[in-house]
Amino acid sequence: MWILALAVVTLALSLGSIVHRLVQVPTLRKIRPTAMEISGEVIDNTSTSSGNAGAYYSTPVVRYYVDGKRYEAEIANPVFRRPAAVGTSMTILVSPHHPFSPMDPYGGMGSGMRGKFLVAALGVALLVLGIVRL
């Protein structure tokens, strides 16, 4: 019975992550045609809980300039598990119409998804094993 419970939890967590990523991809596709690709300096990292005890996701906060104006903002589509090194530069995409939401150009569907699909496959395998053992 514990195998079924573990399978359900594993599937729920992985599918939630996959859906979250799928929601972000259209936004990246939408801004990419008109976005400017610029360099931003990592000035900080914010942390949010991953849902697992003691585990956090790190989101870089970058400083960048558009038309001579300085902006500081979190990356809108983070895929970072570890903090980005403060003081380093990273390539970002910024919409000229909405420069307040920088995006990681490499944060598309494929980025970070391999692990999510592997965890989902593990959940399915556990579910099948749990059903067979009933």
Protein backbone atom coordinates (compact mmCIF):
# COMPACT_ATOMS: atom_id res chain seq x y z
CA MET A 1 0.00 0.00 0.00
CA TRP A 2 2.88 2.38 0.73
CA ILE A 3 4.09 1.90 -2.85
CA LEU A 4 0.79 3.28 -4.14
CA ALA A 5 1.01 6.27 -1.81
CA LEU A 6 4.58 6.95 -2.91
CA ALA A 7 3.55 6.63 -6.57
CA VAL A 8 0.70 9.12 -6.16
CA VAL A 9 2.93 11.67 -4.39
CA THR A 10 5.71 11.27 -6.97
CA LEU A 11 3.30 11.66 -9.88
CA ALA A 12 1.59 14.67 -8.33
CA LEU A 13 4.86 16.51 -7.72
CA SER A 14 6.33 15.77 -11.14
CA LEU A 15 3.14 16.56 -13.06
CA GLY A 16 2.77 19.82 -11.15
CA SER A 17 6.30 20.81 -12.18
CA ILE A 18 5.66 19.84 -15.80
CA VAL A 19 2.43 21.87 -15.96
CA HIS A 20 4.19 24.86 -14.39
CA ARG A 21 6.88 24.68 -17.09
CA LEU A 22 4.32 24.32 -19.89
CA VAL A 23 2.61 27.51 -18.71
CA GLN A 24 5.91 29.42 -18.93
CA VAL A 25 6.88 28.25 -22.45
CA PRO A 26 4.18 30.22 -24.33
CA THR A 27 5.33 33.40 -22.58
CA LEU A 28 8.90 32.84 -23.73
CA ARG A 29 7.70 32.10 -27.28
CA LYS A 30 5.53 35.20 -27.25
CA ILE A 31 8.29 37.65 -26.34
CA ARG A 32 11.17 35.99 -28.25
CA PRO A 33 10.40 37.52 -31.71
CA THR A 34 10.58 41.12 -30.43
CA ALA A 35 12.82 40.65 -27.39
CA MET A 36 16.26 42.15 -27.04
CA GLU A 37 19.01 39.76 -26.01
CA ILE A 38 21.21 41.62 -23.55
CA SER A 39 23.63 40.91 -20.75
CA GLY A 40 22.58 41.28 -17.13
CA GLU A 41 24.65 41.15 -13.96
CA VAL A 42 23.55 38.75 -11.22
CA ILE A 43 23.21 40.88 -8.09
CA ASP A 44 21.35 38.49 -5.79
CA ASN A 45 19.37 35.25 -5.58
CA THR A 46 15.94 34.72 -4.09
CA SER A 47 14.85 31.37 -2.73
CA THR A 48 11.45 29.71 -2.85
CA SER A 49 10.46 26.42 -1.32
CA SER A 50 10.39 23.48 -3.71
CA GLY A 51 7.72 21.74 -1.67
CA ASN A 52 10.23 19.26 -0.27
CA ALA A 53 11.43 19.75 3.29
CA GLY A 54 14.63 21.81 3.30
CA ALA A 55 14.83 22.07 -0.52
CA TYR A 56 14.66 25.40 -2.30
CA TYR A 57 14.73 26.77 -5.83
CA SER A 58 17.00 29.71 -6.50
CA THR A 59 16.01 32.58 -8.78
CA PRO A 60 18.68 35.05 -9.91
CA VAL A 61 18.03 38.76 -9.55
CA VAL A 62 19.72 40.65 -12.38
CA ARG A 63 20.62 44.27 -13.06
CA TYR A 64 20.43 45.35 -16.68
CA TYR A 65 20.03 48.46 -18.80
CA VAL A 66 17.45 49.17 -21.52
CA ASP A 67 17.65 52.49 -23.39
CA GLY A 68 19.91 53.90 -20.70
CA LYS A 69 17.49 53.05 -17.86
CA ARG A 70 18.60 50.71 -15.10
CA TYR A 71 16.37 47.79 -14.11
CA GLU A 72 16.66 45.15 -11.38
CA ALA A 73 14.36 42.15 -11.45
CA GLU A 74 14.10 38.41 -10.87
CA ILE A 75 14.32 36.15 -13.88
CA ALA A 76 10.70 35.47 -14.87
CA ASN A 77 11.25 31.86 -16.00
CA PRO A 78 13.83 30.46 -13.58
CA VAL A 79 15.15 26.94 -13.97
CA PHE A 80 17.95 27.26 -11.44
CA ARG A 81 18.34 24.76 -8.64
CA ARG A 82 21.57 26.30 -7.34
CA PRO A 83 22.21 30.00 -6.78
CA ALA A 84 23.85 31.86 -9.65
CA ALA A 85 27.18 33.38 -8.68
CA VAL A 86 26.69 37.01 -7.67
CA GLY A 87 28.73 39.34 -9.86
CA THR A 88 28.62 37.11 -12.93
CA SER A 89 26.83 38.06 -16.11
CA MET A 90 24.10 36.14 -17.83
CA THR A 91 22.29 36.52 -21.12
CA ILE A 92 18.67 37.58 -20.73
CA LEU A 93 15.75 38.37 -23.03
CA VAL A 94 13.85 41.59 -22.37
CA SER A 95 10.72 42.74 -24.14
CA PRO A 96 11.05 46.39 -25.19
CA HIS A 97 7.35 46.81 -24.31
CA HIS A 98 7.71 45.29 -20.84
CA PRO A 99 11.34 45.53 -19.69
CA PHE A 100 10.43 44.65 -16.07
CA SER A 101 10.35 40.88 -16.69
CA PRO A 102 13.69 39.55 -17.92
CA MET A 103 13.66 35.95 -19.12
CA ASP A 104 16.32 33.28 -19.43
CA PRO A 105 16.59 32.52 -23.18
CA TYR A 106 17.63 28.97 -22.30
CA GLY A 107 14.69 28.43 -19.94
CA GLY A 108 12.44 26.87 -22.56
CA MET A 109 10.66 23.54 -22.52
CA GLY A 110 13.76 21.35 -22.68
CA SER A 111 15.63 23.04 -19.91
CA GLY A 112 15.26 21.17 -16.66
CA MET A 113 12.54 18.90 -18.03
CA ARG A 114 14.54 15.68 -18.29
CA GLY A 115 14.49 15.21 -14.53
CA LYS A 116 10.79 16.01 -14.29
CA PHE A 117 9.93 13.39 -16.90
CA LEU A 118 12.19 10.83 -15.20
CA VAL A 119 10.42 11.40 -11.88
CA ALA A 120 7.04 11.08 -13.64
CA ALA A 121 8.20 7.79 -15.21
CA LEU A 122 9.33 6.57 -11.79
CA GLY A 123 5.88 7.47 -10.42
CA VAL A 124 4.17 5.49 -13.19
CA ALA A 125 6.47 2.51 -12.56
CA LEU A 126 5.69 2.62 -8.83
CA LEU A 127 1.98 2.88 -9.58
CA VAL A 128 2.09 -0.19 -11.83
CA LEU A 129 4.13 -2.09 -9.24
CA GLY A 130 1.68 -1.13 -6.51
CA ILE A 131 -1.33 -2.24 -8.57
CA VAL A 132 0.32 -5.55 -9.50
CA ARG A 133 1.12 -6.26 -5.83
CA LEU A 134 -2.51 -5.71 -4.73
